[in-house]
């Protein structure tokens, strides 16, 4: 059972990192005035997906301390 929890925590950590990276990518694209590009829209979609997954972790009590 501990190995499963460890895997979930690793996944949570990876998704948190991806969420933050999407935020940085979006800020870069905004600074370049590329808010109407496919890249921007894809990054928004990925960030929304990661946010939903992280909210599910929180809902089920798997969120790491510190969170996003």
PDB file of N, CA and C in Angstrom:
ATOM      1  N   UNK A   1       0.822  -1.200   0.000  1.00  0.00           N
ATOM      2  CA  UNK A   1       0.000   0.000   0.000  1.00  0.00           C
ATOM      3  C   UNK A   1       0.859   1.255   0.000  1.00  0.00           C
ATOM      4  N   UNK A   2       1.998   1.230   0.689  1.00  0.00           N
ATOM      5  CA  UNK A   2       2.866   2.402   0.735  1.00  0.00           C
ATOM      6  C   UNK A   2       3.438   2.731  -0.633  1.00  0.00           C
ATOM      7  N   UNK A   3       3.700   1.705  -1.445  1.00  0.00           N
ATOM      8  CA  UNK A   3       4.227   1.948  -2.789  1.00  0.00           C
ATOM      9  C   UNK A   3       3.192   2.665  -3.644  1.00  0.00           C
ATOM     10  N   UNK A   4       1.929   2.317  -3.492  1.00  0.00           N
ATOM     11  CA  UNK A   4       0.876   2.977  -4.245  1.00  0.00           C
ATOM     12  C   UNK A   4       0.776   4.444  -3.857  1.00  0.00           C
ATOM     13  N   UNK A   5       0.807   4.721  -2.561  1.00  0.00           N
ATOM     14  CA  UNK A   5       0.750   6.098  -2.104  1.00  0.00           C
ATOM     15  C   UNK A   5       1.959   6.881  -2.602  1.00  0.00           C
ATOM     16  N   UNK A   6       3.107   6.247  -2.605  1.00  0.00           N
ATOM     17  CA  UNK A   6       4.320   6.889  -3.107  1.00  0.00           C
ATOM     18  C   UNK A   6       4.163   7.246  -4.587  1.00  0.00           C
ATOM     19  N   UNK A   7       3.546   6.361  -5.354  1.00  0.00           N
ATOM     20  CA  UNK A   7       3.317   6.623  -6.777  1.00  0.00           C
ATOM     21  C   UNK A   7       2.361   7.801  -6.966  1.00  0.00           C
ATOM     22  N   UNK A   8       1.298   7.848  -6.156  1.00  0.00           N
ATOM     23  CA  UNK A   8       0.360   8.959  -6.242  1.00  0.00           C
ATOM     24  C   UNK A   8       1.050  10.280  -5.892  1.00  0.00           C
ATOM     25  N   UNK A   9       1.872  10.256  -4.879  1.00  0.00           N
ATOM     26  CA  UNK A   9       2.587  11.473  -4.485  1.00  0.00           C
ATOM     27  C   UNK A   9       3.560  11.919  -5.563  1.00  0.00           C
ATOM     28  N   UNK A  10       4.211  10.971  -6.231  1.00  0.00           N
ATOM     29  CA  UNK A  10       5.123  11.297  -7.330  1.00  0.00           C
ATOM     30  C   UNK A  10       4.330  11.916  -8.473  1.00  0.00           C
ATOM     31  N   UNK A  11       3.193  11.313  -8.783  1.00  0.00           N
ATOM     32  CA  UNK A  11       2.344  11.847  -9.840  1.00  0.00           C
ATOM     33  C   UNK A  11       1.876  13.254  -9.480  1.00  0.00           C
ATOM     34  N   UNK A  12       1.480  13.461  -8.235  1.00  0.00           N
ATOM     35  CA  UNK A  12       1.039  14.779  -7.779  1.00  0.00           C
ATOM     36  C   UNK A  12       2.157  15.798  -7.949  1.00  0.00           C
ATOM     37  N   UNK A  13       3.340  15.424  -7.568  1.00  0.00           N
ATOM     38  CA  UNK A  13       4.487  16.313  -7.694  1.00  0.00           C
ATOM     39  C   UNK A  13       4.748  16.664  -9.159  1.00  0.00           C
ATOM     40  N   UNK A  14       4.693  15.677 -10.025  1.00  0.00           N
ATOM     41  CA  UNK A  14       4.926  15.905 -11.456  1.00  0.00           C
ATOM     42  C   UNK A  14       3.843  16.805 -12.055  1.00  0.00           C
ATOM     43  N   UNK A  15       2.596  16.570 -11.689  1.00  0.00           N
ATOM     44  CA  UNK A  15       1.504  17.382 -12.223  1.00  0.00           C
ATOM     45  C   UNK A  15       1.599  18.811 -11.695  1.00  0.00           C
ATOM     46  N   UNK A  16       1.997  18.974 -10.448  1.00  0.00           N
ATOM     47  CA  UNK A  16       2.193  20.321  -9.897  1.00  0.00           C
ATOM     48  C   UNK A  16       3.257  21.073 -10.689  1.00  0.00           C
ATOM     49  N   UNK A  17       4.326  20.382 -11.023  1.00  0.00           N
ATOM     50  CA  UNK A  17       5.399  20.989 -11.803  1.00  0.00           C
ATOM     51  C   UNK A  17       4.903  21.366 -13.200  1.00  0.00           C
ATOM     52  N   UNK A  18       4.171  20.480 -13.842  1.00  0.00           N
ATOM     53  CA  UNK A  18       3.621  20.763 -15.167  1.00  0.00           C
ATOM     54  C   UNK A  18       2.665  21.951 -15.133  1.00  0.00           C
ATOM     55  N   UNK A  19       1.858  22.048 -14.084  1.00  0.00           N
ATOM     56  CA  UNK A  19       0.931  23.162 -13.909  1.00  0.00           C
ATOM     57  C   UNK A  19       1.701  24.486 -13.828  1.00  0.00           C
ATOM     58  N   UNK A  20       2.756  24.490 -13.052  1.00  0.00           N
ATOM     59  CA  UNK A  20       3.563  25.705 -12.906  1.00  0.00           C
ATOM     60  C   UNK A  20       4.263  26.057 -14.213  1.00  0.00           C
ATOM     61  N   UNK A  21       4.764  25.055 -14.926  1.00  0.00           N
ATOM     62  CA  UNK A  21       5.428  25.299 -16.210  1.00  0.00           C
ATOM     63  C   UNK A  21       4.455  25.880 -17.235  1.00  0.00           C
ATOM     64  N   UNK A  22       3.216  25.402 -17.225  1.00  0.00           N
ATOM     65  CA  UNK A  22       2.204  25.962 -18.131  1.00  0.00           C
ATOM     66  C   UNK A  22       1.954  27.430 -17.814  1.00  0.00           C
ATOM     67  N   UNK A  23       1.927  27.760 -16.538  1.00  0.00           N
ATOM     68  CA  UNK A  23       1.746  29.149 -16.134  1.00  0.00           C
ATOM     69  C   UNK A  23       2.861  30.032 -16.676  1.00  0.00           C
ATOM     70  N   UNK A  24       4.090  29.548 -16.584  1.00  0.00           N
ATOM     71  CA  UNK A  24       5.231  30.300 -17.109  1.00  0.00           C
ATOM     72  C   UNK A  24       5.140  30.450 -18.623  1.00  0.00           C
ATOM     73  N   UNK A  25       4.745  29.363 -19.296  1.00  0.00           N
ATOM     74  CA  UNK A  25       4.601  29.402 -20.752  1.00  0.00           C
ATOM     75  C   UNK A  25       3.538  30.421 -21.159  1.00  0.00           C
ATOM     76  N   UNK A  26       2.429  30.437 -20.423  1.00  0.00           N
ATOM     77  CA  UNK A  26       1.361  31.386 -20.721  1.00  0.00           C
ATOM     78  C   UNK A  26       1.827  32.825 -20.524  1.00  0.00           C
ATOM     79  N   UNK A  27       2.578  33.070 -19.470  1.00  0.00           N
ATOM     80  CA  UNK A  27       3.098  34.419 -19.224  1.00  0.00           C
ATOM     81  C   UNK A  27       4.034  34.858 -20.345  1.00  0.00           C
ATOM     82  N   UNK A  28       4.866  33.940 -20.815  1.00  0.00           N
ATOM     83  CA  UNK A  28       5.781  34.239 -21.920  1.00  0.00           C
ATOM     84  C   UNK A  28       4.999  34.584 -23.183  1.00  0.00           C
ATOM     85  N   UNK A  29       3.991  33.772 -23.486  1.00  0.00           N
ATOM     86  CA  UNK A  29       3.182  34.021 -24.684  1.00  0.00           C
ATOM     87  C   UNK A  29       2.406  35.331 -24.568  1.00  0.00           C
ATOM     88  N   UNK A  30       1.912  35.645 -23.367  1.00  0.00           N
ATOM     89  CA  UNK A  30       1.220  36.920 -23.158  1.00  0.00           C
ATOM     90  C   UNK A  30       2.168  38.081 -23.398  1.00  0.00           C
ATOM     91  N   UNK A  31       3.384  37.976 -22.890  1.00  0.00           N
ATOM     92  CA  UNK A  31       4.375  39.044 -23.053  1.00  0.00           C
ATOM     93  C   UNK A  31       4.710  39.256 -24.534  1.00  0.00           C
ATOM     94  N   UNK A  32       4.609  38.211 -25.323  1.00  0.00           N
ATOM     95  CA  UNK A  32       4.882  38.287 -26.761  1.00  0.00           C
ATOM     96  C   UNK A  32       3.620  38.636 -27.552  1.00  0.00           C
ATOM     97  N   UNK A  33       2.542  38.924 -26.839  1.00  0.00           N
ATOM     98  CA  UNK A  33       1.252  39.252 -27.446  1.00  0.00           C
ATOM     99  C   UNK A  33       0.763  38.143 -28.379  1.00  0.00           C
ATOM    100  N   UNK A  34       0.898  36.904 -27.919  1.00  0.00           N
ATOM    101  CA  UNK A  34       0.481  35.741 -28.706  1.00  0.00           C
ATOM    102  C   UNK A  34      -0.680  35.009 -28.033  1.00  0.00           C
ATOM    103  N   UNK A  35      -1.626  35.785 -27.541  1.00  0.00           N
ATOM    104  CA  UNK A  35      -2.749  35.184 -26.814  1.00  0.00           C
ATOM    105  C   UNK A  35      -3.799  34.546 -27.723  1.00  0.00           C
ATOM    106  N   UNK A  36      -3.693  34.765 -29.014  1.00  0.00           N
ATOM    107  CA  UNK A  36      -4.676  34.180 -29.935  1.00  0.00           C
ATOM    108  C   UNK A  36      -4.094  33.036 -30.751  1.00  0.00           C
ATOM    109  N   UNK A  37      -2.946  32.527 -30.314  1.00  0.00           N
ATOM    110  CA  UNK A  37      -2.296  31.439 -31.049  1.00  0.00           C
ATOM    111  C   UNK A  37      -2.774  30.080 -30.549  1.00  0.00           C
ATOM    112  N   UNK A  38      -2.545  29.090 -31.363  1.00  0.00           N
ATOM    113  CA  UNK A  38      -2.887  27.722 -30.974  1.00  0.00           C
ATOM    114  C   UNK A  38      -2.046  27.302 -29.766  1.00  0.00           C
ATOM    115  N   UNK A  39      -0.783  27.696 -29.751  1.00  0.00           N
ATOM    116  CA  UNK A  39       0.098  27.352 -28.627  1.00  0.00           C
ATOM    117  C   UNK A  39      -0.462  27.867 -27.312  1.00  0.00           C
ATOM    118  N   UNK A  40      -0.963  29.098 -27.329  1.00  0.00           N
ATOM    119  CA  UNK A  40      -1.538  29.687 -26.121  1.00  0.00           C
ATOM    120  C   UNK A  40      -2.781  28.910 -25.690  1.00  0.00           C
ATOM    121  N   UNK A  41      -3.633  28.609 -26.632  1.00  0.00           N
ATOM    122  CA  UNK A  41      -4.872  27.885 -26.309  1.00  0.00           C
ATOM    123  C   UNK A  41      -4.591  26.472 -25.809  1.00  0.00           C
ATOM    124  N   UNK A  42      -3.597  25.819 -26.413  1.00  0.00           N
ATOM    125  CA  UNK A  42      -3.225  24.486 -25.944  1.00  0.00           C
ATOM    126  C   UNK A  42      -2.677  24.540 -24.525  1.00  0.00           C
ATOM    127  N   UNK A  43      -1.846  25.538 -24.238  1.00  0.00           N
ATOM    128  CA  UNK A  43      -1.290  25.696 -22.891  1.00  0.00           C
ATOM    129  C   UNK A  43      -2.396  25.969 -21.883  1.00  0.00           C
ATOM    130  N   UNK A  44      -3.378  26.773 -22.280  1.00  0.00           N
ATOM    131  CA  UNK A  44      -4.526  27.039 -21.397  1.00  0.00           C
ATOM    132  C   UNK A  44      -5.283  25.742 -21.107  1.00  0.00           C
ATOM    133  N   UNK A  45      -5.474  24.938 -22.126  1.00  0.00           N
ATOM    134  CA  UNK A  45      -6.172  23.664 -21.958  1.00  0.00           C
ATOM    135  C   UNK A  45      -5.420  22.718 -21.034  1.00  0.00           C
ATOM    136  N   UNK A  46      -4.102  22.616 -21.246  1.00  0.00           N
ATOM    137  CA  UNK A  46      -3.284  21.748 -20.378  1.00  0.00           C
ATOM    138  C   UNK A  46      -3.321  22.249 -18.941  1.00  0.00           C
ATOM    139  N   UNK A  47      -3.213  23.561 -18.769  1.00  0.00           N
ATOM    140  CA  UNK A  47      -3.222  24.122 -17.412  1.00  0.00           C
ATOM    141  C   UNK A  47      -4.566  23.828 -16.725  1.00  0.00           C
ATOM    142  N   UNK A  48      -5.651  23.935 -17.478  1.00  0.00           N
ATOM    143  CA  UNK A  48      -6.963  23.621 -16.919  1.00  0.00           C
ATOM    144  C   UNK A  48      -7.078  22.154 -16.521  1.00  0.00           C
ATOM    145  N   UNK A  49      -6.540  21.274 -17.345  1.00  0.00           N
ATOM    146  CA  UNK A  49      -6.547  19.841 -17.040  1.00  0.00           C
ATOM    147  C   UNK A  49      -5.753  19.567 -15.770  1.00  0.00           C
ATOM    148  N   UNK A  50      -4.544  20.138 -15.695  1.00  0.00           N
ATOM    149  CA  UNK A  50      -3.711  19.930 -14.507  1.00  0.00           C
ATOM    150  C   UNK A  50      -4.375  20.495 -13.256  1.00  0.00           C
ATOM    151  N   UNK A  51      -5.035  21.642 -13.395  1.00  0.00           N
ATOM    152  CA  UNK A  51      -5.730  22.243 -12.251  1.00  0.00           C
ATOM    153  C   UNK A  51      -6.846  21.321 -11.761  1.00  0.00           C
ATOM    154  N   UNK A  52      -7.566  20.710 -12.685  1.00  0.00           N
ATOM    155  CA  UNK A  52      -8.648  19.802 -12.307  1.00  0.00           C
ATOM    156  C   UNK A  52      -8.106  18.572 -11.593  1.00  0.00           C
ATOM    157  N   UNK A  53      -7.016  18.014 -12.110  1.00  0.00           N
ATOM    158  CA  UNK A  53      -6.410  16.846 -11.465  1.00  0.00           C
ATOM    159  C   UNK A  53      -5.946  17.209 -10.059  1.00  0.00           C
ATOM    160  N   UNK A  54      -5.307  18.368  -9.915  1.00  0.00           N
ATOM    161  CA  UNK A  54      -4.840  18.798  -8.594  1.00  0.00           C
ATOM    162  C   UNK A  54      -6.009  19.027  -7.636  1.00  0.00           C
ATOM    163  N   UNK A  55      -7.127  19.543  -8.161  1.00  0.00           N
ATOM    164  CA  UNK A  55      -8.294  19.742  -7.291  1.00  0.00           C
ATOM    165  C   UNK A  55      -8.874  18.405  -6.844  1.00  0.00           C
ATOM    166  N   UNK A  56      -8.795  17.392  -7.699  1.00  0.00           N
ATOM    167  CA  UNK A  56      -9.256  16.056  -7.300  1.00  0.00           C
ATOM    168  C   UNK A  56      -8.356  15.476  -6.213  1.00  0.00           C
ATOM    169  N   UNK A  57      -7.042  15.682  -6.359  1.00  0.00           N
ATOM    170  CA  UNK A  57      -6.126  15.245  -5.300  1.00  0.00           C
ATOM    171  C   UNK A  57      -6.501  15.886  -3.973  1.00  0.00           C
ATOM    172  N   UNK A  58      -6.797  17.173  -4.020  1.00  0.00           N
ATOM    173  CA  UNK A  58      -7.155  17.893  -2.789  1.00  0.00           C
ATOM    174  C   UNK A  58      -8.473  17.356  -2.220  1.00  0.00           C
ATOM    175  N   UNK A  59      -9.428  17.133  -3.098  1.00  0.00           N
ATOM    176  CA  UNK A  59     -10.736  16.623  -2.684  1.00  0.00           C
ATOM    177  C   UNK A  59     -10.623  15.271  -1.992  1.00  0.00           C
ATOM    178  N   UNK A  60      -9.706  14.422  -2.474  1.00  0.00           N
ATOM    179  CA  UNK A  60      -9.537  13.089  -1.912  1.00  0.00           C
ATOM    180  C   UNK A  60      -8.458  13.026  -0.837  1.00  0.00           C
ATOM    181  N   UNK A  61      -7.895  14.169  -0.464  1.00  0.00           N
ATOM    182  CA  UNK A  61      -6.942  14.216   0.632  1.00  0.00           C
ATOM    183  C   UNK A  61      -5.565  13.677   0.293  1.00  0.00           C
ATOM    184  N   UNK A  62      -5.176  13.708  -0.981  1.00  0.00           N
ATOM    185  CA  UNK A  62      -3.872  13.191  -1.386  1.00  0.00           C
ATOM    186  C   UNK A  62      -2.889  14.343  -1.615  1.00  0.00           C
ATOM    187  N   UNK A  63      -3.378  15.569  -1.550  1.00  0.00           N
ATOM    188  CA  UNK A  63      -2.531  16.733  -1.806  1.00  0.00           C
ATOM    189  C   UNK A  63      -1.368  16.802  -0.828  1.00  0.00           C
ATOM    190  N   UNK A  64      -0.169  17.119  -1.378  1.00  0.00           N
ATOM    191  CA  UNK A  64       0.995  17.282  -0.534  1.00  0.00           C
ATOM    192  C   UNK A  64       0.913  18.601   0.197  1.00  0.00           C
ATOM    193  N   UNK A  65       1.597  18.718   1.316  1.00  0.00           N
ATOM    194  CA  UNK A  65       1.629  19.974   2.047  1.00  0.00           C
ATOM    195  C   UNK A  65       2.307  21.026   1.191  1.00  0.00           C
ATOM    196  N   UNK A  66       1.774  22.227   1.234  1.00  0.00           N
ATOM    197  CA  UNK A  66       2.315  23.304   0.427  1.00  0.00           C
ATOM    198  C   UNK A  66       1.464  23.542  -0.809  1.00  0.00           C
ATOM    199  N   UNK A  67       1.057  22.463  -1.462  1.00  0.00           N
ATOM    200  CA  UNK A  67       0.165  22.550  -2.612  1.00  0.00           C
ATOM    201  C   UNK A  67       0.651  23.465  -3.700  1.00  0.00           C
ATOM    202  N   UNK A  68      -0.293  23.839  -4.559  1.00  0.00           N
ATOM    203  CA  UNK A  68       0.025  24.738  -5.679  1.00  0.00           C
ATOM    204  C   UNK A  68      -0.359  26.130  -5.307  1.00  0.00           C
TER     205      UNK A  68
END
